Amino acid sequence: MTTQNQNQLAIIQKDITDAVSKNIDRLQSEGLTLPPNYNHSNALKSAFFALSNSPSGNLLQVCSKESVANALLDMVTQGLSPAKTQCYFVNYGGQCQLLRSYFGTQAVLKRLTNVKDIWANVIYKDDEFQYENDRGREKLVSHKTSFENRDKDIIGAYAVVQTTDDEEILTVMTRKEIEVSWGQSKTKQAVHNKFPQEMAKRTVINRAAKAFINTSDDSDLLVQAINNSTENEYEDRPRKEVNPEHEIREKANTEELDIQPDKPVLEAPVEQPRKENIQPEPVVINANEGPGF
């Protein structure tokens, strides 16, 4: 990498860090609470390392700066860190998107005020799995397995959310339902085939989270960030081409963006719109500068 390219990347990283940090400070003043012992500066450092060393290339170069900033803002809002394999970043059509790992979803759900614990297991062929419908809600009765069954076919998976009242809320998925979900996923099928147990757990725990999170009384900022990461998994979100400059004017007050047009300008890909009415407002920086499980 040439010195000029290194300087450009350093400028991009500084702009993104400043913008995200500024927004986090604002959100904390509005009531956002980060997990105890969570240092968002350290999380950002590990995130930039992950972004620069992605299997898809240096995402700081191939993804728009706005999308990188939004992904990092969602990461910090959820209290996640790539260093703990709780999340990772992918390039999707020139847009950087944050995906949670199985461990990341567990960590995020435990932040909700009414969640005590959450876990998931896979169901193997010849396992004895029983559940019942208790007043319209699925309830785990028993799951008996053996060491030998772990090498047999996976026939399903389930997740249990334990509330602070010790109520256990069950979500069950058959193998067919899991594979349908995998078919809509942006994650390459080879990953599902190589790590079927962990990917099945990840799928069912995301299903459980989606139903549970939206009934939570927690901060809308946290809930929306969780939903953003969950929706990033799938292909079925509507997409359309937009004018990036028009989108920026619509979404943010440019007086707060620290725009410095004299910095090196890189080609920006066409922006993909995020969902409307998302809180917090997307981070926008230098409009003309594009760049675990």
C-alpha atoms as a PDB file:
ATOM      1  CA  MET A   1       0.000   0.000   0.000  1.00  0.00           C
ATOM      2  CA  THR A   2       1.387   3.399  -0.973  1.00  0.00           C
ATOM      3  CA  THR A   3       1.934   6.188   1.509  1.00  0.00           C
ATOM      4  CA  GLN A   4      -0.849   8.189  -0.159  1.00  0.00           C
ATOM      5  CA  ASN A   5      -3.315   5.338   0.274  1.00  0.00           C
ATOM      6  CA  GLN A   6      -2.271   4.900   3.894  1.00  0.00           C
ATOM      7  CA  ASN A   7      -2.837   8.592   4.512  1.00  0.00           C
ATOM      8  CA  GLN A   8      -6.261   8.438   2.875  1.00  0.00           C
ATOM      9  CA  LEU A   9      -7.266   5.465   5.022  1.00  0.00           C
ATOM     10  CA  ALA A  10      -5.997   7.223   8.147  1.00  0.00           C
ATOM     11  CA  ILE A  11      -8.166  10.230   7.294  1.00  0.00           C
ATOM     12  CA  ILE A  12     -11.191   8.008   6.674  1.00  0.00           C
ATOM     13  CA  GLN A  13     -10.675   6.186   9.978  1.00  0.00           C
ATOM     14  CA  LYS A  14     -10.324   9.440  11.907  1.00  0.00           C
ATOM     15  CA  ASP A  15     -13.454  10.927  10.325  1.00  0.00           C
ATOM     16  CA  ILE A  16     -15.494   7.830  11.132  1.00  0.00           C
ATOM     17  CA  THR A  17     -14.157   7.567  14.694  1.00  0.00           C
ATOM     18  CA  ASP A  18     -14.893  11.228  15.407  1.00  0.00           C
ATOM     19  CA  ALA A  19     -18.400  10.997  13.946  1.00  0.00           C
ATOM     20  CA  VAL A  20     -19.313   7.800  15.811  1.00  0.00           C
ATOM     21  CA  SER A  21     -17.851   9.025  19.109  1.00  0.00           C
ATOM     22  CA  LYS A  22     -19.744  12.309  18.777  1.00  0.00           C
ATOM     23  CA  ASN A  23     -23.012  10.467  18.180  1.00  0.00           C
ATOM     24  CA  ILE A  24     -22.411   8.056  21.067  1.00  0.00           C
ATOM     25  CA  ASP A  25     -21.801  10.991  23.413  1.00  0.00           C
ATOM     26  CA  ARG A  26     -25.054  12.550  22.205  1.00  0.00           C
ATOM     27  CA  LEU A  27     -27.009   9.317  22.609  1.00  0.00           C
ATOM     28  CA  GLN A  28     -25.629   8.775  26.115  1.00  0.00           C
ATOM     29  CA  SER A  29     -26.787  12.265  27.042  1.00  0.00           C
ATOM     30  CA  GLU A  30     -30.234  11.230  25.768  1.00  0.00           C
ATOM     31  CA  GLY A  31     -30.331   8.122  27.948  1.00  0.00           C
ATOM     32  CA  LEU A  32     -28.388   5.401  26.139  1.00  0.00           C
ATOM     33  CA  THR A  33     -26.641   3.144  28.665  1.00  0.00           C
ATOM     34  CA  LEU A  34     -23.672   1.048  27.581  1.00  0.00           C
ATOM     35  CA  PRO A  35     -22.790  -2.204  29.369  1.00  0.00           C
ATOM     36  CA  PRO A  36     -20.567  -1.955  32.467  1.00  0.00           C
ATOM     37  CA  ASN A  37     -16.851  -2.240  31.633  1.00  0.00           C
ATOM     38  CA  TYR A  38     -17.588  -1.681  27.934  1.00  0.00           C
ATOM     39  CA  ASN A  39     -15.000   0.664  26.428  1.00  0.00           C
ATOM     40  CA  HIS A  40     -16.347   1.830  23.095  1.00  0.00           C
ATOM     41  CA  SER A  41     -12.966   3.294  22.097  1.00  0.00           C
ATOM     42  CA  ASN A  42     -11.340  -0.134  22.419  1.00  0.00           C
ATOM     43  CA  ALA A  43     -14.265  -1.723  20.567  1.00  0.00           C
ATOM     44  CA  LEU A  44     -13.800   0.756  17.720  1.00  0.00           C
ATOM     45  CA  LYS A  45     -10.090  -0.055  17.509  1.00  0.00           C
ATOM     46  CA  SER A  46     -10.799  -3.774  17.194  1.00  0.00           C
ATOM     47  CA  ALA A  47     -13.534  -2.999  14.672  1.00  0.00           C
ATOM     48  CA  PHE A  48     -11.172  -1.027  12.441  1.00  0.00           C
ATOM     49  CA  PHE A  49      -8.734  -3.940  12.539  1.00  0.00           C
ATOM     50  CA  ALA A  50     -11.549  -6.285  11.502  1.00  0.00           C
ATOM     51  CA  LEU A  51     -12.695  -3.908   8.766  1.00  0.00           C
ATOM     52  CA  SER A  52      -9.184  -3.578   7.374  1.00  0.00           C
ATOM     53  CA  ASN A  53      -8.546  -7.322   7.419  1.00  0.00           C
ATOM     54  CA  SER A  54     -11.883  -8.642   6.187  1.00  0.00           C
ATOM     55  CA  PRO A  55     -11.829 -11.736   3.923  1.00  0.00           C
ATOM     56  CA  SER A  56     -13.624  -9.499   1.398  1.00  0.00           C
ATOM     57  CA  GLY A  57     -10.786  -6.984   1.397  1.00  0.00           C
ATOM     58  CA  ASN A  58     -10.318  -3.706   3.192  1.00  0.00           C
ATOM     59  CA  LEU A  59     -13.895  -2.592   3.830  1.00  0.00           C
ATOM     60  CA  LEU A  60     -12.712   0.943   4.512  1.00  0.00           C
ATOM     61  CA  GLN A  61     -11.792   1.112   0.831  1.00  0.00           C
ATOM     62  CA  VAL A  62     -14.652  -0.790  -0.788  1.00  0.00           C
ATOM     63  CA  CYS A  63     -17.599   0.350   1.353  1.00  0.00           C
ATOM     64  CA  SER A  64     -19.113   3.810   1.697  1.00  0.00           C
ATOM     65  CA  LYS A  65     -17.996   5.763   4.724  1.00  0.00           C
ATOM     66  CA  GLU A  66     -21.586   6.429   5.765  1.00  0.00           C
ATOM     67  CA  SER A  67     -22.368   2.693   5.858  1.00  0.00           C
ATOM     68  CA  VAL A  68     -19.203   1.959   7.871  1.00  0.00           C
ATOM     69  CA  ALA A  69     -20.119   4.656  10.380  1.00  0.00           C
ATOM     70  CA  ASN A  70     -23.684   3.361  10.705  1.00  0.00           C
ATOM     71  CA  ALA A  71     -22.440  -0.207  11.230  1.00  0.00           C
ATOM     72  CA  LEU A  72     -20.042   0.957  13.945  1.00  0.00           C
ATOM     73  CA  LEU A  73     -22.762   3.010  15.618  1.00  0.00           C
ATOM     74  CA  ASP A  74     -25.024  -0.058  15.745  1.00  0.00           C
ATOM     75  CA  MET A  75     -22.113  -2.070  17.155  1.00  0.00           C
ATOM     76  CA  VAL A  76     -21.423   0.369  19.994  1.00  0.00           C
ATOM     77  CA  THR A  77     -25.121   0.885  20.754  1.00  0.00           C
ATOM     78  CA  GLN A  78     -25.441  -2.866  21.289  1.00  0.00           C
ATOM     79  CA  GLY A  79     -22.230  -3.004  23.350  1.00  0.00           C
ATOM     80  CA  LEU A  80     -20.524  -5.495  21.005  1.00  0.00           C
ATOM     81  CA  SER A  81     -16.895  -6.071  20.089  1.00  0.00           C
ATOM     82  CA  PRO A  82     -15.272  -8.041  17.229  1.00  0.00           C
ATOM     83  CA  ALA A  83     -12.428  -8.888  19.629  1.00  0.00           C
ATOM     84  CA  LYS A  84     -14.875 -11.097  21.541  1.00  0.00           C
ATOM     85  CA  THR A  85     -16.245 -12.651  18.302  1.00  0.00           C
ATOM     86  CA  GLN A  86     -19.592 -11.045  19.064  1.00  0.00           C
ATOM     87  CA  CYS A  87     -19.962  -9.426  15.654  1.00  0.00           C
ATOM     88  CA  TYR A  88     -18.367  -9.032  12.256  1.00  0.00           C
ATOM     89  CA  PHE A  89     -18.668  -6.880   9.169  1.00  0.00           C
ATOM     90  CA  VAL A  90     -19.601  -7.774   5.590  1.00  0.00           C
ATOM     91  CA  ASN A  91     -19.624  -5.902   2.293  1.00  0.00           C
ATOM     92  CA  TYR A  92     -23.010  -6.072   0.627  1.00  0.00           C
ATOM     93  CA  GLY A  93     -23.272  -4.102  -2.586  1.00  0.00           C
ATOM     94  CA  GLY A  94     -20.718  -1.529  -1.473  1.00  0.00           C
ATOM     95  CA  GLN A  95     -22.422  -1.144   1.893  1.00  0.00           C
ATOM     96  CA  CYS A  96     -20.785  -2.205   5.145  1.00  0.00           C
ATOM     97  CA  GLN A  97     -23.213  -4.125   7.338  1.00  0.00           C
ATOM     98  CA  LEU A  98     -22.873  -5.395  10.891  1.00  0.00           C
ATOM     99  CA  LEU A  99     -23.824  -8.993  11.644  1.00  0.00           C
ATOM    100  CA  ARG A 100     -24.015 -10.475  15.132  1.00  0.00           C
ATOM    101  CA  SER A 101     -22.611 -13.842  16.074  1.00  0.00           C
ATOM    102  CA  TYR A 102     -24.486 -16.364  18.205  1.00  0.00           C
ATOM    103  CA  PHE A 103     -22.476 -15.103  21.185  1.00  0.00           C
ATOM    104  CA  GLY A 104     -23.270 -11.507  20.281  1.00  0.00           C
ATOM    105  CA  THR A 105     -27.016 -12.113  20.219  1.00  0.00           C
ATOM    106  CA  GLN A 106     -26.818 -13.815  23.611  1.00  0.00           C
ATOM    107  CA  ALA A 107     -24.891 -10.857  25.038  1.00  0.00           C
ATOM    108  CA  VAL A 108     -27.312  -8.310  23.586  1.00  0.00           C
ATOM    109  CA  LEU A 109     -30.446 -10.073  24.832  1.00  0.00           C
ATOM    110  CA  LYS A 110     -29.014 -10.308  28.330  1.00  0.00           C
ATOM    111  CA  ARG A 111     -28.830  -6.504  28.295  1.00  0.00           C
ATOM    112  CA  LEU A 112     -32.614  -6.275  28.127  1.00  0.00           C
ATOM    113  CA  THR A 113     -34.050  -5.495  31.529  1.00  0.00           C
ATOM    114  CA  ASN A 114     -36.481  -8.426  31.565  1.00  0.00           C
ATOM    115  CA  VAL A 115     -34.083 -11.138  30.332  1.00  0.00           C
ATOM    116  CA  LYS A 116     -32.195 -13.299  32.803  1.00  0.00           C
ATOM    117  CA  ASP A 117     -30.628 -15.772  30.390  1.00  0.00           C
ATOM    118  CA  ILE A 118     -30.902 -17.243  26.901  1.00  0.00           C
ATOM    119  CA  TRP A 119     -29.551 -20.435  25.373  1.00  0.00           C
ATOM    120  CA  ALA A 120     -29.998 -22.637  22.328  1.00  0.00           C
ATOM    121  CA  ASN A 121     -29.497 -26.301  21.460  1.00  0.00           C
ATOM    122  CA  VAL A 122     -29.719 -28.430  18.352  1.00  0.00           C
ATOM    123  CA  ILE A 123     -31.869 -31.552  18.115  1.00  0.00           C
ATOM    124  CA  TYR A 124     -30.167 -34.582  16.563  1.00  0.00           C
ATOM    125  CA  LYS A 125     -31.694 -37.646  14.979  1.00  0.00           C
ATOM    126  CA  ASP A 126     -32.668 -40.170  17.696  1.00  0.00           C
ATOM    127  CA  ASP A 127     -32.797 -37.475  20.388  1.00  0.00           C
ATOM    128  CA  GLU A 128     -35.873 -37.590  22.612  1.00  0.00           C
ATOM    129  CA  PHE A 129     -37.346 -34.113  22.326  1.00  0.00           C
ATOM    130  CA  GLN A 130     -40.724 -33.172  23.763  1.00  0.00           C
ATOM    131  CA  TYR A 131     -42.537 -29.875  24.002  1.00  0.00           C
ATOM    132  CA  GLU A 132     -46.127 -28.887  24.536  1.00  0.00           C
ATOM    133  CA  ASN A 133     -48.521 -26.076  23.819  1.00  0.00           C
ATOM    134  CA  ASP A 134     -49.389 -24.440  27.127  1.00  0.00           C
ATOM    135  CA  ARG A 135     -52.239 -21.923  26.706  1.00  0.00           C
ATOM    136  CA  GLY A 136     -51.029 -21.013  23.245  1.00  0.00           C
ATOM    137  CA  ARG A 137     -47.335 -20.826  24.145  1.00  0.00           C
ATOM    138  CA  GLU A 138     -44.755 -23.482  23.361  1.00  0.00           C
ATOM    139  CA  LYS A 139     -43.106 -24.965  26.442  1.00  0.00           C
ATOM    140  CA  LEU A 140     -40.108 -27.293  26.678  1.00  0.00           C
ATOM    141  CA  VAL A 141     -40.890 -30.578  28.410  1.00  0.00           C
ATOM    142  CA  SER A 142     -37.640 -32.496  27.976  1.00  0.00           C
ATOM    143  CA  HIS A 143     -34.685 -33.021  25.675  1.00  0.00           C
ATOM    144  CA  LYS A 144     -32.637 -36.182  26.089  1.00  0.00           C
ATOM    145  CA  THR A 145     -29.644 -36.786  23.858  1.00  0.00           C
ATOM    146  CA  SER A 146     -26.469 -38.850  23.837  1.00  0.00           C
ATOM    147  CA  PHE A 147     -22.859 -38.288  22.887  1.00  0.00           C
ATOM    148  CA  GLU A 148     -23.200 -40.579  19.869  1.00  0.00           C
ATOM    149  CA  ASN A 149     -26.052 -38.540  18.442  1.00  0.00           C
ATOM    150  CA  ARG A 150     -23.827 -35.526  17.881  1.00  0.00           C
ATOM    151  CA  ASP A 151     -22.520 -37.128  14.672  1.00  0.00           C
ATOM    152  CA  LYS A 152     -26.037 -37.742  13.361  1.00  0.00           C
ATOM    153  CA  ASP A 153     -28.202 -35.471  11.237  1.00  0.00           C
ATOM    154  CA  ILE A 154     -29.618 -32.299  12.761  1.00  0.00           C
ATOM    155  CA  ILE A 155     -33.423 -32.407  12.676  1.00  0.00           C
ATOM    156  CA  GLY A 156     -34.139 -29.125  14.427  1.00  0.00           C
ATOM    157  CA  ALA A 157     -33.084 -26.564  17.015  1.00  0.00           C
ATOM    158  CA  TYR A 158     -34.619 -24.569  19.830  1.00  0.00           C
ATOM    159  CA  ALA A 159     -33.885 -21.500  21.929  1.00  0.00           C
ATOM    160  CA  VAL A 160     -35.086 -20.638  25.416  1.00  0.00           C
ATOM    161  CA  VAL A 161     -35.372 -17.103  26.769  1.00  0.00           C
ATOM    162  CA  GLN A 162     -35.527 -17.045  30.566  1.00  0.00           C
ATOM    163  CA  THR A 163     -37.120 -13.902  31.923  1.00  0.00           C
ATOM    164  CA  THR A 164     -36.362 -12.230  35.237  1.00  0.00           C
ATOM    165  CA  ASP A 165     -39.584 -13.841  36.501  1.00  0.00           C
ATOM    166  CA  ASP A 166     -38.055 -17.254  35.631  1.00  0.00           C
ATOM    167  CA  GLU A 167     -40.549 -17.806  32.845  1.00  0.00           C
ATOM    168  CA  GLU A 168     -38.982 -19.811  30.002  1.00  0.00           C
ATOM    169  CA  ILE A 169     -40.114 -18.833  26.509  1.00  0.00           C
ATOM    170  CA  LEU A 170     -39.437 -21.497  23.891  1.00  0.00           C
ATOM    171  CA  THR A 171     -38.786 -21.078  20.164  1.00  0.00           C
ATOM    172  CA  VAL A 172     -38.555 -24.251  18.060  1.00  0.00           C
ATOM    173  CA  MET A 173     -37.509 -24.647  14.422  1.00  0.00           C
ATOM    174  CA  THR A 174     -37.467 -27.780  12.290  1.00  0.00           C
ATOM    175  CA  ARG A 175     -34.566 -28.548   9.966  1.00  0.00           C
ATOM    176  CA  LYS A 176     -36.712 -27.460   7.013  1.00  0.00           C
ATOM    177  CA  GLU A 177     -37.522 -24.118   8.656  1.00  0.00           C
ATOM    178  CA  ILE A 178     -33.832 -23.566   9.417  1.00  0.00           C
ATOM    179  CA  GLU A 179     -32.830 -24.299   5.824  1.00  0.00           C
ATOM    180  CA  VAL A 180     -35.482 -21.899   4.506  1.00  0.00           C
ATOM    181  CA  SER A 181     -33.959 -19.206   6.704  1.00  0.00           C
ATOM    182  CA  TRP A 182     -30.468 -20.103   5.466  1.00  0.00           C
ATOM    183  CA  GLY A 183     -31.726 -19.779   1.899  1.00  0.00           C
ATOM    184  CA  GLN A 184     -32.580 -16.108   2.584  1.00  0.00           C
ATOM    185  CA  SER A 185     -29.325 -15.408   4.398  1.00  0.00           C
ATOM    186  CA  LYS A 186     -26.476 -13.364   2.976  1.00  0.00           C
ATOM    187  CA  THR A 187     -24.020 -15.694   4.693  1.00  0.00           C
ATOM    188  CA  LYS A 188     -22.463 -18.122   2.224  1.00  0.00           C
ATOM    189  CA  GLN A 189     -23.999 -21.589   2.239  1.00  0.00           C
ATOM    190  CA  ALA A 190     -20.530 -23.111   2.742  1.00  0.00           C
ATOM    191  CA  VAL A 191     -20.480 -21.640   6.253  1.00  0.00           C
ATOM    192  CA  HIS A 192     -23.766 -23.342   7.110  1.00  0.00           C
ATOM    193  CA  ASN A 193     -22.496 -26.644   5.759  1.00  0.00           C
ATOM    194  CA  LYS A 194     -19.165 -26.417   7.596  1.00  0.00           C
ATOM    195  CA  PHE A 195     -20.587 -25.374  10.984  1.00  0.00           C
ATOM    196  CA  PRO A 196     -24.189 -26.631  10.956  1.00  0.00           C
ATOM    197  CA  GLN A 197     -24.559 -26.920  14.751  1.00  0.00           C
ATOM    198  CA  GLU A 198     -23.501 -23.362  15.532  1.00  0.00           C
ATOM    199  CA  MET A 199     -25.302 -21.890  12.530  1.00  0.00           C
ATOM    200  CA  ALA A 200     -28.523 -23.690  13.521  1.00  0.00           C
ATOM    201  CA  LYS A 201     -28.219 -22.257  17.040  1.00  0.00           C
ATOM    202  CA  ARG A 202     -27.567 -18.817  15.586  1.00  0.00           C
ATOM    203  CA  THR A 203     -30.651 -19.041  13.375  1.00  0.00           C
ATOM    204  CA  VAL A 204     -33.057 -20.134  16.092  1.00  0.00           C
ATOM    205  CA  ILE A 205     -31.713 -17.650  18.626  1.00  0.00           C
ATOM    206  CA  ASN A 206     -32.214 -14.839  16.113  1.00  0.00           C
ATOM    207  CA  ARG A 207     -35.788 -16.044  15.578  1.00  0.00           C
ATOM    208  CA  ALA A 208     -36.368 -16.007  19.335  1.00  0.00           C
ATOM    209  CA  ALA A 209     -34.784 -12.583  19.668  1.00  0.00           C
ATOM    210  CA  LYS A 210     -36.905 -11.025  16.924  1.00  0.00           C
ATOM    211  CA  ALA A 211     -40.143 -12.019  18.627  1.00  0.00           C
ATOM    212  CA  PHE A 212     -38.969 -11.056  22.115  1.00  0.00           C
ATOM    213  CA  ILE A 213     -37.133  -7.778  21.528  1.00  0.00           C
ATOM    214  CA  ASN A 214     -40.070  -5.884  20.068  1.00  0.00           C
ATOM    215  CA  THR A 215     -42.112  -6.483  23.224  1.00  0.00           C
ATOM    216  CA  SER A 216     -39.329  -5.103  25.399  1.00  0.00           C
ATOM    217  CA  ASP A 217     -39.645  -1.894  27.408  1.00  0.00           C
ATOM    218  CA  ASP A 218     -35.970  -1.100  26.857  1.00  0.00           C
ATOM    219  CA  SER A 219     -34.525   1.880  25.020  1.00  0.00           C
ATOM    220  CA  ASP A 220     -35.732   2.280  21.443  1.00  0.00           C
ATOM    221  CA  LEU A 221     -32.123   3.040  20.492  1.00  0.00           C
ATOM    222  CA  LEU A 222     -30.960  -0.385  21.675  1.00  0.00           C
ATOM    223  CA  VAL A 223     -33.967  -2.208  20.215  1.00  0.00           C
ATOM    224  CA  GLN A 224     -33.556  -0.557  16.801  1.00  0.00           C
ATOM    225  CA  ALA A 225     -29.826  -1.339  16.695  1.00  0.00           C
ATOM    226  CA  ILE A 226     -30.584  -4.988  17.486  1.00  0.00           C
ATOM    227  CA  ASN A 227     -33.229  -5.111  14.768  1.00  0.00           C
ATOM    228  CA  ASN A 228     -30.863  -3.491  12.251  1.00  0.00           C
ATOM    229  CA  SER A 229     -28.256  -6.210  12.778  1.00  0.00           C
ATOM    230  CA  THR A 230     -30.858  -8.975  12.603  1.00  0.00           C
ATOM    231  CA  GLU A 231     -32.338  -7.654   9.350  1.00  0.00           C
ATOM    232  CA  ASN A 232     -28.876  -7.329   7.813  1.00  0.00           C
ATOM    233  CA  GLU A 233     -28.820 -11.129   7.704  1.00  0.00           C
ATOM    234  CA  TYR A 234     -31.393 -11.497   4.977  1.00  0.00           C
ATOM    235  CA  GLU A 235     -31.845 -10.741   1.290  1.00  0.00           C
ATOM    236  CA  ASP A 236     -35.528  -9.816   1.325  1.00  0.00           C
ATOM    237  CA  ARG A 237     -35.254  -6.184   2.418  1.00  0.00           C
ATOM    238  CA  PRO A 238     -36.399  -3.714  -0.286  1.00  0.00           C
ATOM    239  CA  ARG A 239     -33.624  -1.919  -2.113  1.00  0.00           C
ATOM    240  CA  LYS A 240     -33.693   0.968  -4.580  1.00  0.00           C
ATOM    241  CA  GLU A 241     -31.224   3.360  -6.095  1.00  0.00           C
ATOM    242  CA  VAL A 242     -31.176   6.824  -4.597  1.00  0.00           C
ATOM    243  CA  ASN A 243     -29.233  10.015  -4.972  1.00  0.00           C
ATOM    244  CA  PRO A 244     -26.707   9.849  -2.098  1.00  0.00           C
ATOM    245  CA  GLU A 245     -26.560  13.635  -1.663  1.00  0.00           C
ATOM    246  CA  HIS A 246     -30.365  13.874  -1.532  1.00  0.00           C
ATOM    247  CA  GLU A 247     -30.485  11.064   1.055  1.00  0.00           C
ATOM    248  CA  ILE A 248     -27.912  12.833   3.198  1.00  0.00           C
ATOM    249  CA  ARG A 249     -29.852  16.097   3.155  1.00  0.00           C
ATOM    250  CA  GLU A 250     -33.013  14.265   4.123  1.00  0.00           C
ATOM    251  CA  LYS A 251     -31.484  12.279   6.987  1.00  0.00           C
ATOM    252  CA  ALA A 252     -29.217  14.661   8.838  1.00  0.00           C
ATOM    253  CA  ASN A 253     -28.381  18.247   9.632  1.00  0.00           C
ATOM    254  CA  THR A 254     -25.133  18.869   7.754  1.00  0.00           C
ATOM    255  CA  GLU A 255     -24.081  21.503  10.263  1.00  0.00           C
ATOM    256  CA  GLU A 256     -23.338  18.617  12.674  1.00  0.00           C
ATOM    257  CA  LEU A 257     -21.365  16.482  10.251  1.00  0.00           C
ATOM    258  CA  ASP A 258     -17.904  18.063  10.419  1.00  0.00           C
ATOM    259  CA  ILE A 259     -17.772  18.044   6.609  1.00  0.00           C
ATOM    260  CA  GLN A 260     -14.351  18.927   5.230  1.00  0.00           C
ATOM    261  CA  PRO A 261     -14.511  18.943   1.407  1.00  0.00           C
ATOM    262  CA  ASP A 262     -10.796  19.618   0.975  1.00  0.00           C
ATOM    263  CA  LYS A 263      -9.855  16.038   1.941  1.00  0.00           C
ATOM    264  CA  PRO A 264      -9.029  13.394  -0.699  1.00  0.00           C
ATOM    265  CA  VAL A 265     -12.131  12.281  -2.558  1.00  0.00           C
ATOM    266  CA  LEU A 266     -12.669   8.625  -3.412  1.00  0.00           C
ATOM    267  CA  GLU A 267     -15.409   7.256  -5.618  1.00  0.00           C
ATOM    268  CA  ALA A 268     -18.619   6.598  -3.677  1.00  0.00           C
ATOM    269  CA  PRO A 269     -20.900   3.682  -4.587  1.00  0.00           C
ATOM    270  CA  VAL A 270     -24.635   4.210  -4.889  1.00  0.00           C
ATOM    271  CA  GLU A 271     -26.093   4.330  -1.411  1.00  0.00           C
ATOM    272  CA  GLN A 272     -28.577   1.706  -0.237  1.00  0.00           C
ATOM    273  CA  PRO A 273     -31.312   3.322   1.892  1.00  0.00           C
ATOM    274  CA  ARG A 274     -31.754   2.171   5.466  1.00  0.00           C
ATOM    275  CA  LYS A 275     -35.229   1.671   6.918  1.00  0.00           C
ATOM    276  CA  GLU A 276     -37.159   4.894   7.461  1.00  0.00           C
ATOM    277  CA  ASN A 277     -37.783   6.320  10.926  1.00  0.00           C
ATOM    278  CA  ILE A 278     -34.762   4.563  12.375  1.00  0.00           C
ATOM    279  CA  GLN A 279     -33.379   5.939  15.617  1.00  0.00           C
ATOM    280  CA  PRO A 280     -30.692   7.049  16.104  1.00  0.00           C
ATOM    281  CA  GLU A 281     -30.318   9.105  12.929  1.00  0.00           C
ATOM    282  CA  PRO A 282     -27.686   7.632  10.581  1.00  0.00           C
ATOM    283  CA  VAL A 283     -24.169   8.929  10.898  1.00  0.00           C
ATOM    284  CA  VAL A 284     -23.155  10.876   7.809  1.00  0.00           C
ATOM    285  CA  ILE A 285     -19.624  11.975   7.081  1.00  0.00           C
ATOM    286  CA  ASN A 286     -18.022  13.760   4.142  1.00  0.00           C
ATOM    287  CA  ALA A 287     -20.739  13.057   1.625  1.00  0.00           C
ATOM    288  CA  ASN A 288     -18.410  13.051  -1.363  1.00  0.00           C
ATOM    289  CA  GLU A 289     -15.885  10.599   0.127  1.00  0.00           C
ATOM    290  CA  GLY A 290     -16.658   6.997  -0.478  1.00  0.00           C
ATOM    291  CA  PRO A 291     -14.011   5.045   0.452  1.00  0.00           C
ATOM    292  CA  GLY A 292     -17.654 -16.054  14.656  1.00  0.00           C
ATOM    293  CA  PHE A 293     -20.696 -17.105  14.231  1.00  0.00           C
END
